[in-house]
C-alpha atoms as a PDB file:
ATOM      1  CA  MET A   1      11.303  19.386   0.948  1.00  0.00           C
ATOM      2  CA  ILE A   2       9.282  16.376  -0.236  1.00  0.00           C
ATOM      3  CA  GLU A   3       7.698  14.241   2.504  1.00  0.00           C
ATOM      4  CA  ILE A   4       6.362  10.671   1.522  1.00  0.00           C
ATOM      5  CA  ARG A   5       4.141   9.086   4.097  1.00  0.00           C
ATOM      6  CA  THR A   6       2.895   5.596   3.383  1.00  0.00           C
ATOM      7  CA  PHE A   7       0.575   3.489   5.547  1.00  0.00           C
ATOM      8  CA  ARG A   8      -2.334   0.946   5.383  1.00  0.00           C
ATOM      9  CA  LEU A   9      -5.975   1.626   6.603  1.00  0.00           C
ATOM     10  CA  ARG A  10      -7.461  -0.200   9.561  1.00  0.00           C
ATOM     11  CA  ALA A  11      -9.739  -3.208   8.580  1.00  0.00           C
ATOM     12  CA  GLY A  12     -13.366  -1.770   7.955  1.00  0.00           C
ATOM     13  CA  VAL A  13     -12.199   1.619   7.101  1.00  0.00           C
ATOM     14  CA  ASP A  14     -14.198   2.887   3.881  1.00  0.00           C
ATOM     15  CA  PRO A  15     -11.615   4.223   1.401  1.00  0.00           C
ATOM     16  CA  GLU A  16     -14.009   6.819   0.117  1.00  0.00           C
ATOM     17  CA  ARG A  17     -14.688   8.205   3.580  1.00  0.00           C
ATOM     18  CA  PHE A  18     -10.824   8.270   4.255  1.00  0.00           C
ATOM     19  CA  SER A  19     -10.243  10.416   1.019  1.00  0.00           C
ATOM     20  CA  THR A  20     -12.909  12.732   2.099  1.00  0.00           C
ATOM     21  CA  LEU A  21     -11.143  13.007   5.510  1.00  0.00           C
ATOM     22  CA  VAL A  22      -7.680  13.719   3.853  1.00  0.00           C
ATOM     23  CA  THR A  23      -9.212  16.369   1.682  1.00  0.00           C
ATOM     24  CA  SER A  24     -10.793  18.058   4.701  1.00  0.00           C
ATOM     25  CA  VAL A  25      -7.362  17.994   6.667  1.00  0.00           C
ATOM     26  CA  GLN A  26      -5.605  19.151   3.371  1.00  0.00           C
ATOM     27  CA  THR A  27      -7.855  22.284   3.220  1.00  0.00           C
ATOM     28  CA  GLY A  28      -8.481  22.879   6.960  1.00  0.00           C
ATOM     29  CA  VAL A  29      -4.970  22.418   8.314  1.00  0.00           C
ATOM     30  CA  TYR A  30      -2.216  22.012   5.625  1.00  0.00           C
ATOM     31  CA  TYR A  31      -3.151  24.802   3.324  1.00  0.00           C
ATOM     32  CA  GLN A  32      -2.907  27.185   6.385  1.00  0.00           C
ATOM     33  CA  GLN A  33       0.637  26.331   7.408  1.00  0.00           C
ATOM     34  CA  PRO A  34       3.702  28.547   6.492  1.00  0.00           C
ATOM     35  CA  GLY A  35       5.777  26.797   3.857  1.00  0.00           C
ATOM     36  CA  PHE A  36       3.170  24.318   2.580  1.00  0.00           C
ATOM     37  CA  VAL A  37       3.224  23.836  -1.034  1.00  0.00           C
ATOM     38  CA  ARG A  38       1.146  20.902  -2.193  1.00  0.00           C
ATOM     39  CA  GLN A  39      -0.334  17.692  -1.171  1.00  0.00           C
ATOM     40  CA  THR A  40      -1.701  14.681  -3.022  1.00  0.00           C
ATOM     41  CA  ILE A  41      -2.840  11.222  -2.098  1.00  0.00           C
ATOM     42  CA  GLY A  42      -2.275   7.913  -3.819  1.00  0.00           C
ATOM     43  CA  ARG A  43      -3.020   4.265  -3.486  1.00  0.00           C
ATOM     44  CA  SER A  44      -1.430   0.949  -4.615  1.00  0.00           C
ATOM     45  CA  GLY A  45      -3.392  -2.033  -3.315  1.00  0.00           C
ATOM     46  CA  ASP A  46      -3.471  -1.804   0.448  1.00  0.00           C
ATOM     47  CA  THR A  47      -0.760   0.745   0.535  1.00  0.00           C
ATOM     48  CA  TRP A  48      -1.609   4.362   0.679  1.00  0.00           C
ATOM     49  CA  LEU A  49       0.603   7.354   0.190  1.00  0.00           C
ATOM     50  CA  ILE A  50       0.355  10.971   0.933  1.00  0.00           C
ATOM     51  CA  LEU A  51       3.049  13.105  -0.663  1.00  0.00           C
ATOM     52  CA  THR A  52       3.619  16.479   0.716  1.00  0.00           C
ATOM     53  CA  SER A  53       5.765  19.389  -0.795  1.00  0.00           C
ATOM     54  CA  TRP A  54       7.188  22.064   1.456  1.00  0.00           C
ATOM     55  CA  ALA A  55       9.098  25.202   0.640  1.00  0.00           C
ATOM     56  CA  SER A  56      12.077  24.185   3.004  1.00  0.00           C
ATOM     57  CA  PRO A  57      13.079  21.415   5.337  1.00  0.00           C
ATOM     58  CA  GLU A  58      12.376  23.634   8.291  1.00  0.00           C
ATOM     59  CA  ALA A  59       8.667  24.047   7.145  1.00  0.00           C
ATOM     60  CA  ALA A  60       8.367  20.256   7.020  1.00  0.00           C
ATOM     61  CA  GLU A  61      10.094  19.597  10.296  1.00  0.00           C
ATOM     62  CA  ARG A  62       8.279  22.026  12.531  1.00  0.00           C
ATOM     63  CA  ASP A  63       5.236  21.375  14.357  1.00  0.00           C
ATOM     64  CA  LEU A  64       2.056  22.644  12.685  1.00  0.00           C
ATOM     65  CA  PRO A  65       2.055  26.315  13.946  1.00  0.00           C
ATOM     66  CA  VAL A  66      -1.385  26.977  12.820  1.00  0.00           C
ATOM     67  CA  PRO A  67      -3.751  24.637  14.683  1.00  0.00           C
ATOM     68  CA  PRO A  68      -6.838  23.100  13.050  1.00  0.00           C
ATOM     69  CA  THR A  69     -10.253  24.771  13.705  1.00  0.00           C
ATOM     70  CA  LYS A  70     -12.603  22.821  15.929  1.00  0.00           C
ATOM     71  CA  SER A  71     -14.676  21.748  12.937  1.00  0.00           C
ATOM     72  CA  VAL A  72     -11.516  20.040  11.397  1.00  0.00           C
ATOM     73  CA  ALA A  73     -10.111  18.985  14.603  1.00  0.00           C
ATOM     74  CA  SER A  74     -12.453  15.832  14.598  1.00  0.00           C
ATOM     75  CA  ASP A  75     -11.476  14.892  11.023  1.00  0.00           C
ATOM     76  CA  VAL A  76      -7.816  15.042  11.946  1.00  0.00           C
ATOM     77  CA  GLU A  77      -8.590  12.472  14.904  1.00  0.00           C
ATOM     78  CA  ALA A  78     -10.678  10.348  12.622  1.00  0.00           C
ATOM     79  CA  LEU A  79      -7.959  10.367   9.894  1.00  0.00           C
ATOM     80  CA  HIS A  80      -5.358   9.178  12.340  1.00  0.00           C
ATOM     81  CA  ALA A  81      -7.740   6.605  13.738  1.00  0.00           C
ATOM     82  CA  SER A  82      -8.211   5.278  10.341  1.00  0.00           C
ATOM     83  CA  ILE A  83      -4.436   4.233  10.022  1.00  0.00           C
ATOM     84  CA  GLU A  84      -3.390   0.888  10.874  1.00  0.00           C
ATOM     85  CA  ALA A  85      -1.104   0.974  13.836  1.00  0.00           C
ATOM     86  CA  GLY A  86       2.562   0.416  13.080  1.00  0.00           C
ATOM     87  CA  SER A  87       1.939   0.742   9.454  1.00  0.00           C
ATOM     88  CA  GLU A  88       2.924   4.314   8.852  1.00  0.00           C
ATOM     89  CA  ARG A  89       6.352   5.289   7.465  1.00  0.00           C
ATOM     90  CA  LEU A  90       7.601   8.778   6.920  1.00  0.00           C
ATOM     91  CA  GLU A  91      10.658   9.655   4.597  1.00  0.00           C
ATOM     92  CA  ARG A  92      11.827  13.254   3.665  1.00  0.00           C
ATOM     93  CA  TYR A  93      13.725  14.133   0.687  1.00  0.00           C
ATOM     94  CA  VAL A  94      15.609  17.444  -0.380  1.00  0.00           C
ATOM     95  CA  GLY A  95      14.081  18.569  -3.615  1.00  0.00           C
ATOM     96  CA  LEU A  96      16.698  19.080  -6.391  1.00  0.00           C
ATOM     97  CA  ASP A  97      14.605  21.342  -8.588  1.00  0.00           C
END
């Protein structure tokens, strides 16, 4: 399963700081999840993209069964707070290879 999440950052959010938050959440949360394969981030102008690959549709659709550690939880909150309200879009695709 391929998950594509696009969004814009809130005004005033430092892009370098945001990229650091994404890396922290990747390693502290996503890498611990069953069925997680890979995640990457990209940017085109004001639009950001997080591309996540999962081993199955079930892995992509379930709530994260392994919660973040306390040290990463604040980064998760900061990451979500950095995204402009109403700008986030999520699409899921079944991989064909």
